[in-house]
Protein backbone atom coordinates (compact mmCIF):
# COMPACT_ATOMS: atom_id res chain seq x y z
CA MET A 1 117.47 113.51 -30.23
CA LYS A 2 114.13 113.68 -31.68
CA LYS A 3 110.99 114.48 -29.61
CA LYS A 4 108.11 112.22 -28.39
CA VAL A 5 104.83 112.46 -29.84
CA TYR A 6 101.45 111.18 -28.42
CA LEU A 7 98.83 111.03 -31.26
CA LEU A 8 95.05 111.12 -30.44
CA SER A 9 92.98 110.47 -33.70
CA LEU A 10 89.42 111.14 -33.38
CA GLY A 11 86.30 110.26 -35.61
CA CYS A 12 86.14 107.75 -38.32
CA ALA A 13 88.17 105.21 -39.99
CA LYS A 14 89.01 107.36 -42.52
CA ASN A 15 90.60 109.70 -40.13
CA LEU A 16 92.60 107.02 -38.59
CA VAL A 17 94.39 106.08 -42.03
CA ASP A 18 95.55 109.77 -42.21
CA SER A 19 96.78 109.35 -38.67
CA GLU A 20 98.67 106.35 -39.47
CA VAL A 21 100.20 108.03 -42.48
CA MET A 22 101.24 111.02 -40.19
CA LEU A 23 102.73 108.19 -37.81
CA GLY A 24 104.69 106.93 -40.80
CA TYR A 25 106.02 110.14 -41.75
CA LEU A 26 107.05 111.05 -38.29
CA LEU A 27 108.53 107.70 -37.46
CA GLN A 28 110.55 108.08 -40.84
CA ALA A 29 111.89 111.20 -39.39
CA GLY A 30 113.05 109.61 -36.20
CA TYR A 31 110.28 110.81 -33.70
CA GLN A 32 109.45 108.66 -30.77
CA PHE A 33 105.76 107.64 -29.93
CA VAL A 34 104.50 107.44 -26.54
CA ALA A 35 101.27 106.07 -25.04
CA GLU A 36 100.68 108.57 -22.52
CA PRO A 37 100.21 112.34 -23.33
CA SER A 38 102.10 113.29 -19.77
CA GLN A 39 105.24 111.51 -21.48
CA ALA A 40 104.99 113.59 -24.67
CA ASP A 41 106.99 116.54 -25.98
CA ILE A 42 104.22 117.08 -28.58
CA ILE A 43 100.61 116.40 -28.28
CA LEU A 44 99.08 115.75 -31.88
CA ILE A 45 95.47 115.57 -32.09
CA ASN A 46 93.63 114.59 -35.32
CA THR A 47 90.20 116.11 -35.22
CA CYS A 48 86.58 115.21 -36.71
CA GLY A 49 84.26 117.93 -37.33
CA PHE A 50 81.47 116.15 -38.98
CA ILE A 51 78.64 116.98 -36.41
CA GLU A 52 78.52 118.95 -32.96
CA PRO A 53 79.12 115.96 -30.73
CA ALA A 54 82.58 115.19 -32.70
CA ARG A 55 83.33 118.82 -32.18
CA GLN A 56 82.56 118.60 -28.54
CA GLU A 57 84.78 115.68 -28.09
CA ALA A 58 87.73 117.47 -29.91
CA ARG A 59 87.21 120.51 -27.69
CA GLN A 60 87.36 118.51 -24.69
CA ALA A 61 90.54 116.81 -25.99
CA ILE A 62 92.16 120.12 -26.71
CA GLN A 63 91.08 121.45 -23.03
CA GLU A 64 92.90 118.45 -21.56
CA ALA A 65 95.98 118.89 -23.57
CA ILE A 66 96.13 122.59 -22.68
CA SER A 67 95.79 121.37 -18.93
CA LEU A 68 98.70 119.33 -19.36
CA LYS A 69 100.48 122.32 -20.96
CA HIS A 70 100.07 124.41 -17.98
CA HIS A 71 101.99 121.71 -15.94
CA HIS A 72 104.61 121.08 -18.67
CA PRO A 73 105.35 124.48 -20.49
CA HIS A 74 107.76 122.91 -23.10
CA LEU A 75 104.55 120.88 -24.42
CA GLN A 76 103.83 121.70 -27.88
CA LEU A 77 100.19 121.07 -28.92
CA ALA A 78 99.25 120.56 -32.64
CA VAL A 79 95.57 120.25 -33.76
CA VAL A 80 94.78 119.03 -37.16
CA GLY A 81 92.06 117.56 -39.43
CA CYS A 82 88.40 118.13 -40.12
CA TYR A 83 87.40 120.45 -37.33
CA VAL A 84 90.36 122.71 -38.26
CA GLU A 85 89.34 122.66 -41.89
CA ARG A 86 85.83 123.65 -41.00
CA ASP A 87 86.39 126.05 -38.28
CA ARG A 88 90.12 127.18 -37.99
CA ASP A 89 89.28 130.99 -36.67
CA THR A 90 86.82 129.78 -34.21
CA LEU A 91 89.48 127.28 -32.58
CA LEU A 92 92.10 129.74 -32.66
CA GLN A 93 90.03 132.12 -30.77
CA GLU A 94 88.64 129.51 -28.32
CA PHE A 95 92.05 127.97 -27.61
CA PRO A 96 94.91 130.73 -28.37
CA GLU A 97 97.34 128.03 -26.44
CA ILE A 98 97.25 125.78 -29.59
CA ASP A 99 100.87 126.11 -31.32
CA ILE A 100 100.01 124.40 -34.58
CA LEU A 101 96.72 124.59 -36.53
CA SER A 102 96.31 122.58 -39.97
CA GLY A 103 93.32 121.30 -41.87
CA VAL A 104 93.19 118.07 -44.13
CA ARG A 105 95.33 119.15 -46.91
CA ASP A 106 98.96 118.71 -45.41
CA PHE A 107 99.08 115.41 -43.35
CA ASP A 108 102.12 114.48 -45.42
CA ARG A 109 103.90 117.64 -44.37
CA ILE A 110 103.36 116.93 -40.52
CA VAL A 111 107.10 116.85 -40.00
CA GLU A 112 107.55 120.40 -41.54
CA LEU A 113 104.51 121.51 -39.49
CA LEU A 114 106.00 120.30 -36.39
CA GLU A 115 109.38 121.60 -37.00
CA GLY A 116 108.23 125.09 -38.24
CA ARG A 117 109.81 124.70 -41.78
CA ASP A 118 108.37 126.21 -44.74
CA PHE A 119 106.75 124.15 -47.34
CA GLN A 120 104.20 124.61 -50.17
CA PRO A 121 100.75 124.09 -48.70
CA GLY A 122 98.32 121.45 -50.43
CA ARG A 123 95.76 122.65 -52.81
CA GLU A 124 93.20 119.92 -52.11
CA THR A 125 92.50 117.42 -49.45
CA PHE A 126 95.45 115.23 -49.01
CA LEU A 127 94.90 111.61 -50.37
CA TYR A 128 97.74 109.23 -49.51
CA SER A 129 99.09 106.40 -51.84
CA HIS A 130 100.91 103.10 -51.79
CA GLU A 131 104.28 105.32 -51.47
CA SER A 132 103.08 107.20 -48.43
CA PRO A 133 104.70 105.66 -45.26
CA ARG A 134 101.91 104.13 -42.87
CA ALA A 135 102.22 102.77 -39.32
CA LEU A 136 99.30 100.57 -38.70
CA THR A 137 97.51 101.02 -35.35
CA THR A 138 94.74 98.07 -35.71
CA PRO A 139 95.57 94.52 -34.91
CA PRO A 140 97.86 92.79 -37.24
CA ALA A 141 95.26 90.62 -38.76
CA TRP A 142 93.17 93.56 -40.24
CA ALA A 143 93.58 96.92 -42.00
CA TYR A 144 91.55 99.73 -43.43
CA VAL A 145 92.30 100.82 -47.11
CA LYS A 146 91.05 104.05 -48.13
CA ILE A 147 90.05 104.35 -51.81
CA SER A 148 89.05 107.71 -52.03
CA GLU A 149 88.87 111.17 -50.68
CA GLY A 150 85.80 113.78 -50.62
CA CYS A 151 82.39 113.34 -51.47
CA SER A 152 80.52 114.67 -54.61
CA HIS A 153 76.89 114.02 -53.00
CA GLN A 154 75.10 116.94 -52.12
CA CYS A 155 72.91 115.50 -49.12
CA GLY A 156 71.23 118.06 -47.32
CA PHE A 157 72.44 117.60 -43.92
CA CYS A 158 76.04 116.90 -44.55
CA SER A 159 79.28 118.89 -44.16
CA ILE A 160 81.72 116.41 -45.85
CA PRO A 161 81.89 118.10 -49.14
CA LEU A 162 82.23 121.41 -47.48
CA ILE A 163 85.30 120.09 -45.56
CA LYS A 164 86.66 117.52 -48.02
CA GLY A 165 85.85 118.61 -51.30
CA PRO A 166 84.54 116.53 -54.44
CA TYR A 167 84.97 112.75 -54.59
CA ARG A 168 88.83 111.92 -55.76
CA SER A 169 89.67 108.09 -56.46
CA ARG A 170 92.97 106.54 -55.96
CA PRO A 171 94.26 104.87 -58.92
CA VAL A 172 93.40 101.13 -59.01
CA ASP A 173 97.09 100.25 -59.16
CA SER A 174 98.01 102.22 -56.35
CA ILE A 175 95.10 100.35 -54.23
CA ILE A 176 96.36 96.96 -55.37
CA THR A 177 99.93 97.61 -54.74
CA GLU A 178 99.18 98.67 -51.07
CA ILE A 179 96.92 95.53 -50.46
CA LYS A 180 99.68 93.37 -51.77
CA MET A 181 101.89 95.17 -49.36
CA LEU A 182 99.52 94.57 -46.35
CA GLU A 183 99.01 90.76 -47.52
CA ALA A 184 102.92 90.61 -47.23
CA GLN A 185 102.91 91.83 -43.68
CA GLY A 186 100.33 89.17 -42.65
CA VAL A 187 97.15 91.23 -42.81
CA LEU A 188 94.22 88.61 -43.40
CA GLU A 189 91.12 91.14 -43.81
CA ILE A 190 91.09 94.44 -45.66
CA ASN A 191 88.18 96.90 -45.06
CA LEU A 192 87.63 99.11 -48.02
CA ILE A 193 86.64 102.63 -46.78
CA SER A 194 85.46 105.90 -48.41
CA HIS A 195 82.81 108.64 -47.83
CA ASP A 196 81.13 106.35 -50.56
CA THR A 197 82.73 103.24 -51.73
CA THR A 198 80.04 102.81 -54.39
CA TYR A 199 81.15 106.03 -56.23
CA TYR A 200 84.67 104.82 -56.69
CA GLY A 201 86.21 105.37 -60.04
CA ARG A 202 83.59 107.71 -61.58
CA ASP A 203 86.02 110.53 -61.67
CA LEU A 204 88.51 108.11 -63.35
CA GLY A 205 85.91 107.48 -66.16
CA LEU A 206 84.92 104.00 -64.67
CA GLN A 207 81.28 103.05 -65.04
CA GLN A 208 81.24 100.30 -62.66
CA GLY A 209 84.30 101.37 -60.46
CA LEU A 210 83.94 99.43 -57.39
CA ILE A 211 83.06 96.26 -59.34
CA HIS A 212 86.18 96.51 -61.27
CA LEU A 213 88.39 97.34 -58.30
CA LEU A 214 87.03 94.24 -56.50
CA GLU A 215 87.46 92.08 -59.36
CA GLU A 216 91.13 93.23 -59.39
CA ILE A 217 91.71 92.61 -55.75
CA LEU A 218 90.19 89.26 -56.28
CA GLY A 219 92.59 88.48 -59.39
CA GLN A 220 95.59 89.88 -58.21
CA THR A 221 95.59 88.93 -54.37
CA SER A 222 94.86 86.04 -52.10
CA LEU A 223 93.48 87.82 -49.27
CA PRO A 224 90.87 85.65 -47.53
CA TRP A 225 88.52 88.55 -46.38
CA ILE A 226 87.68 91.72 -48.35
CA ARG A 227 85.15 93.86 -46.74
CA VAL A 228 83.51 96.78 -48.37
CA LEU A 229 82.10 99.78 -45.82
CA TYR A 230 80.14 102.97 -46.41
CA GLY A 231 77.97 102.12 -49.57
CA TYR A 232 75.40 104.55 -50.80
CA PRO A 233 72.16 102.74 -51.23
CA GLU A 234 71.03 104.17 -54.29
CA GLU A 235 74.22 102.96 -56.18
CA VAL A 236 73.88 99.40 -55.19
CA THR A 237 73.47 97.27 -58.39
CA ALA A 238 72.22 93.80 -59.14
CA GLU A 239 75.75 93.25 -60.63
CA LEU A 240 77.44 94.33 -57.37
CA ILE A 241 75.15 92.24 -55.08
CA ASP A 242 76.16 89.43 -57.42
CA LEU A 243 79.85 90.15 -57.02
CA PHE A 244 79.55 90.08 -53.14
CA ARG A 245 78.61 86.27 -53.64
CA GLU A 246 82.41 85.69 -54.16
CA LYS A 247 83.67 83.55 -51.18
CA ARG A 248 86.25 86.21 -50.32
CA ILE A 249 83.95 89.24 -50.13
CA CYS A 250 82.52 89.28 -46.72
CA SER A 251 78.82 88.94 -46.81
CA TYR A 252 78.11 92.28 -45.43
CA PHE A 253 76.49 95.48 -46.70
CA ASP A 254 77.02 98.65 -44.88
CA LEU A 255 74.31 100.99 -46.45
CA PRO A 256 73.19 104.29 -44.49
CA PHE A 257 69.66 104.68 -45.16
CA GLN A 258 69.12 107.70 -42.93
CA HIS A 259 65.51 107.79 -42.69
CA ALA A 260 62.55 106.00 -44.42
CA HIS A 261 59.66 108.88 -44.66
CA PRO A 262 59.51 110.21 -48.05
CA ARG A 263 59.29 113.72 -46.78
CA ILE A 264 62.32 113.57 -44.95
CA ILE A 265 64.35 111.64 -47.46
CA LYS A 266 63.40 114.28 -49.93
CA ALA A 267 64.36 117.27 -47.87
CA MET A 268 67.58 115.28 -46.95
CA ARG A 269 68.34 114.95 -50.59
CA ARG A 270 68.71 111.38 -50.41
CA GLY A 271 67.21 108.84 -52.80
CA LEU A 272 65.65 105.84 -51.22
CA ASP A 273 62.60 106.09 -49.17
CA GLY A 274 61.62 103.18 -46.83
CA THR A 275 59.57 101.22 -49.39
CA ARG A 276 62.27 101.30 -52.02
CA ALA A 277 64.96 100.61 -49.23
CA LEU A 278 62.98 97.49 -48.14
CA ARG A 279 62.67 96.35 -51.83
CA LEU A 280 66.65 96.64 -52.07
CA ILE A 281 67.13 94.75 -48.84
CA GLU A 282 64.85 91.98 -50.02
CA GLU A 283 66.75 91.77 -53.24
CA ILE A 284 70.01 91.45 -51.18
CA ARG A 285 68.67 88.72 -48.94
CA SER A 286 67.00 86.75 -51.61
CA LYS A 287 70.34 86.24 -53.11
CA PHE A 288 72.26 85.10 -49.86
CA PRO A 289 69.98 84.80 -46.93
CA GLU A 290 73.05 84.75 -44.35
CA VAL A 291 74.20 88.22 -45.19
CA ALA A 292 74.63 90.98 -42.53
CA LEU A 293 73.23 94.44 -42.91
CA ARG A 294 74.33 97.65 -41.02
CA THR A 295 72.80 101.04 -41.47
CA SER A 296 72.78 104.56 -39.83
CA LEU A 297 69.87 106.73 -39.37
CA ILE A 298 69.15 110.23 -38.23
CA VAL A 299 66.55 111.15 -35.94
CA GLY A 300 65.28 114.64 -34.90
CA PHE A 301 65.43 116.05 -38.51
CA PRO A 302 63.76 119.46 -38.57
CA GLY A 303 60.02 119.08 -38.51
CA GLU A 304 60.14 115.29 -37.93
CA THR A 305 56.60 114.59 -36.61
CA PRO A 306 55.77 111.74 -34.48
CA ALA A 307 53.84 109.93 -37.52
CA GLU A 308 57.22 110.25 -39.57
CA PHE A 309 59.43 109.03 -36.85
CA SER A 310 56.84 105.99 -36.54
CA THR A 311 57.46 105.40 -40.41
CA LEU A 312 61.33 105.06 -39.42
CA VAL A 313 60.27 102.70 -36.45
CA ASP A 314 58.41 100.60 -38.53
CA PHE A 315 60.97 100.57 -41.29
CA VAL A 316 63.59 99.29 -38.75
CA ALA A 317 61.10 96.60 -37.51
CA ARG A 318 60.63 95.32 -41.02
CA ALA A 319 64.28 95.65 -42.26
CA GLU A 320 65.81 93.44 -39.41
CA PHE A 321 69.27 94.94 -39.74
CA ASP A 322 71.89 93.06 -37.92
CA HIS A 323 73.78 96.25 -36.75
CA LEU A 324 72.60 99.85 -36.72
CA GLY A 325 73.61 103.25 -35.34
CA VAL A 326 71.60 106.38 -34.84
CA PHE A 327 72.79 109.92 -34.80
CA LEU A 328 70.81 112.90 -33.54
CA TYR A 329 70.29 115.54 -36.21
CA SER A 330 72.99 118.23 -35.86
CA PRO A 331 72.49 121.59 -37.85
CA GLU A 332 75.75 122.09 -40.07
CA LYS A 333 76.66 125.72 -41.10
CA ASN A 334 76.25 126.18 -44.81
CA THR A 335 74.57 122.96 -45.66
CA PRO A 336 71.39 123.19 -47.50
CA ASN A 337 69.22 122.03 -44.35
CA TYR A 338 70.94 124.42 -42.06
CA SER A 339 68.05 127.21 -42.78
CA LEU A 340 65.47 124.85 -41.40
CA GLY A 341 66.90 125.31 -37.90
CA ASP A 342 66.92 122.62 -35.17
CA PRO A 343 63.24 122.69 -33.81
CA VAL A 344 63.02 119.10 -32.36
CA PRO A 345 64.20 119.48 -28.68
CA SER A 346 67.18 117.47 -27.70
CA ALA A 347 65.36 115.54 -25.00
CA GLU A 348 63.03 114.21 -27.77
CA LYS A 349 65.84 113.26 -29.81
CA GLU A 350 67.35 111.16 -27.28
CA ARG A 351 63.99 109.67 -26.52
CA ARG A 352 63.59 108.80 -30.22
CA ARG A 353 66.95 107.37 -30.46
CA ALA A 354 66.74 105.27 -27.18
CA GLU A 355 63.30 103.83 -28.68
CA ILE A 356 64.97 102.72 -31.99
CA MET A 357 68.03 101.29 -30.07
CA GLN A 358 65.75 99.38 -27.81
CA LEU A 359 63.94 97.80 -30.84
CA GLN A 360 67.23 97.14 -32.63
CA ALA A 361 68.67 95.58 -29.54
CA GLU A 362 65.68 92.94 -29.72
CA ILE A 363 66.24 92.39 -33.46
CA SER A 364 69.98 92.02 -33.20
CA HIS A 365 69.54 89.68 -30.57
CA ARG A 366 67.15 87.49 -32.38
CA ARG A 367 69.52 88.01 -35.66
CA ASN A 368 72.36 86.43 -33.63
CA ARG A 369 70.77 83.61 -32.25
CA ARG A 370 70.68 82.01 -36.01
CA PHE A 371 74.33 81.32 -35.37
CA LEU A 372 73.92 79.37 -32.02
CA GLY A 373 75.48 75.76 -32.65
CA GLN A 374 76.86 76.92 -36.12
CA ARG A 375 80.49 76.25 -37.08
CA LEU A 376 81.81 79.71 -38.45
CA GLU A 377 85.06 80.98 -39.83
CA VAL A 378 86.30 83.37 -37.16
CA LEU A 379 89.33 86.15 -37.46
CA VAL A 380 91.12 85.81 -34.08
CA GLU A 381 92.42 89.43 -33.38
CA GLU A 382 93.79 89.48 -30.05
CA SER A 383 93.68 88.73 -26.36
CA SER A 384 91.81 91.22 -23.89
CA ASP A 385 92.89 92.55 -20.35
CA GLN A 386 89.31 92.99 -19.59
CA THR A 387 88.42 89.39 -20.22
CA PRO A 388 91.70 87.43 -20.07
CA GLN A 389 90.06 83.98 -20.14
CA PHE A 390 88.83 84.77 -23.85
CA LEU A 391 90.63 85.54 -27.24
CA LEU A 392 88.48 88.27 -29.15
CA GLY A 393 87.60 87.63 -32.79
CA ARG A 394 85.10 88.55 -35.58
CA THR A 395 83.09 86.56 -38.12
CA GLN A 396 82.54 88.06 -41.54
CA TYR A 397 79.15 89.39 -40.28
CA GLN A 398 80.95 91.84 -37.75
CA ALA A 399 82.86 94.78 -38.83
CA PRO A 400 85.85 96.00 -36.77
CA GLU A 401 85.34 98.73 -34.05
CA VAL A 402 81.53 99.23 -34.88
CA ASP A 403 79.96 95.69 -34.43
CA GLY A 404 80.24 92.95 -31.70
CA VAL A 405 82.91 90.45 -31.30
CA VAL A 406 83.36 86.83 -30.81
CA TYR A 407 84.70 85.76 -27.17
CA LEU A 408 86.69 82.65 -27.90
CA GLN A 409 88.16 79.78 -25.98
CA PRO A 410 90.58 78.27 -25.47
CA CYS A 411 92.74 81.11 -24.84
CA HIS A 412 95.90 80.17 -26.58
CA GLN A 413 97.98 82.69 -27.92
CA LYS A 414 98.85 80.54 -30.98
CA TYR A 415 95.55 81.21 -32.71
CA ILE A 416 95.98 85.20 -32.72
CA ASN A 417 96.34 86.47 -36.27
CA SER A 418 94.77 83.40 -37.86
CA LEU A 419 91.39 82.44 -39.33
CA ARG A 420 89.66 79.51 -37.22
CA GLN A 421 86.73 77.33 -37.39
CA VAL A 422 84.72 77.94 -34.08
CA VAL A 423 81.50 76.61 -33.13
CA ILE A 424 79.17 79.40 -31.45
CA THR A 425 78.04 78.23 -28.11
CA SER A 426 76.14 81.14 -26.91
CA THR A 427 74.77 84.58 -28.10
CA ASP A 428 73.75 88.01 -26.63
CA VAL A 429 72.44 91.36 -28.18
CA TYR A 430 75.67 92.16 -29.57
CA ASP A 431 78.46 89.38 -29.13
CA LEU A 432 78.75 85.91 -29.58
CA LYS A 433 80.74 83.21 -27.72
CA GLY A 434 82.40 80.12 -29.26
CA LYS A 435 84.82 77.21 -28.92
CA ILE A 436 87.92 77.09 -31.42
CA VAL A 437 87.88 73.91 -33.45
CA PRO A 438 91.33 72.19 -32.84
């Protein structure tokens, strides 16, 4: 009888896709999956190693699994993914109780890894295809589609190229085939993800690779919602903006600007300072004012002065993003910025993050109020144990897992996994409430 596996996927959506592929291989091999680690014979943790808070989360998860192992000596602990690729020896030294360690190259060999069988290790980061078995863990109405692996940018603060290697695009045909398969399963929304979706196809010889891919998806599928996540601001062209006016492409730009002050942008090896970023935002909004914009920022970069931070605050106030995330600067070994140290105190970083998030809360609430009384299309995803009187859904202006939701009534199960017209009846900082139109 095959063993029972508990899988914990940490980190980003790209990690989740790799976890879903591992699930697919394990299910294919007859393994069973359990919802609680205490029920498992094997605990499998797919880690994130991008920044220190992610590594702390991984270490805590590993420690909890080891504590369980002390009570269940038969329990096998497998730790895989980015953190292992980045710092295998440190993990092994800190946690000798780990039975299996594997980085980012052999997700398709998870069965052999767990069973101790020999195999030829991968030479580069694993990149799945339409032929890879994959068990979706997201609600049935939507899915992530990873279009590439790795990154060829050399941002000064970022360890992704060190962990994942250079950018490698999936072939267009493979992506289209996968999307058709998802569509046949009833998926209504695909979320294209990558470390940089706007770089897609360059290694395949395509000049406007993302535009080409989107045109193929539009031409060969009937999916009602196509969302593009993780774009690189410098690579957003007028042609790409124009393509986003297609009805089936969500009016949503996810563009991590990171900072606004010219000195810090230059030190980060990024391209757009606040002035140029505002120009891009103005260009996008001039073509469709209803668009939603998400960004991520870094505070506490080495040497960030109060005046430079004020430039960032002013940028956020003027840009009026719909959604925003703030990271505290994390010094990463072997990156160009590592030699700068980490002089900004943690408490000051936290204070700066809180100041921006407070400002953004006011902006997000104001932006949400424009929907009050409007009739919007909503993807109805699921019911909720926390709010049993409501269904949960999203508009095209809300990405899954990172943005707010729409709380929906009436709470009839027949609406789940469908697109419905909804009248928005109230708004708050992050979420909306609405009534489904019969």
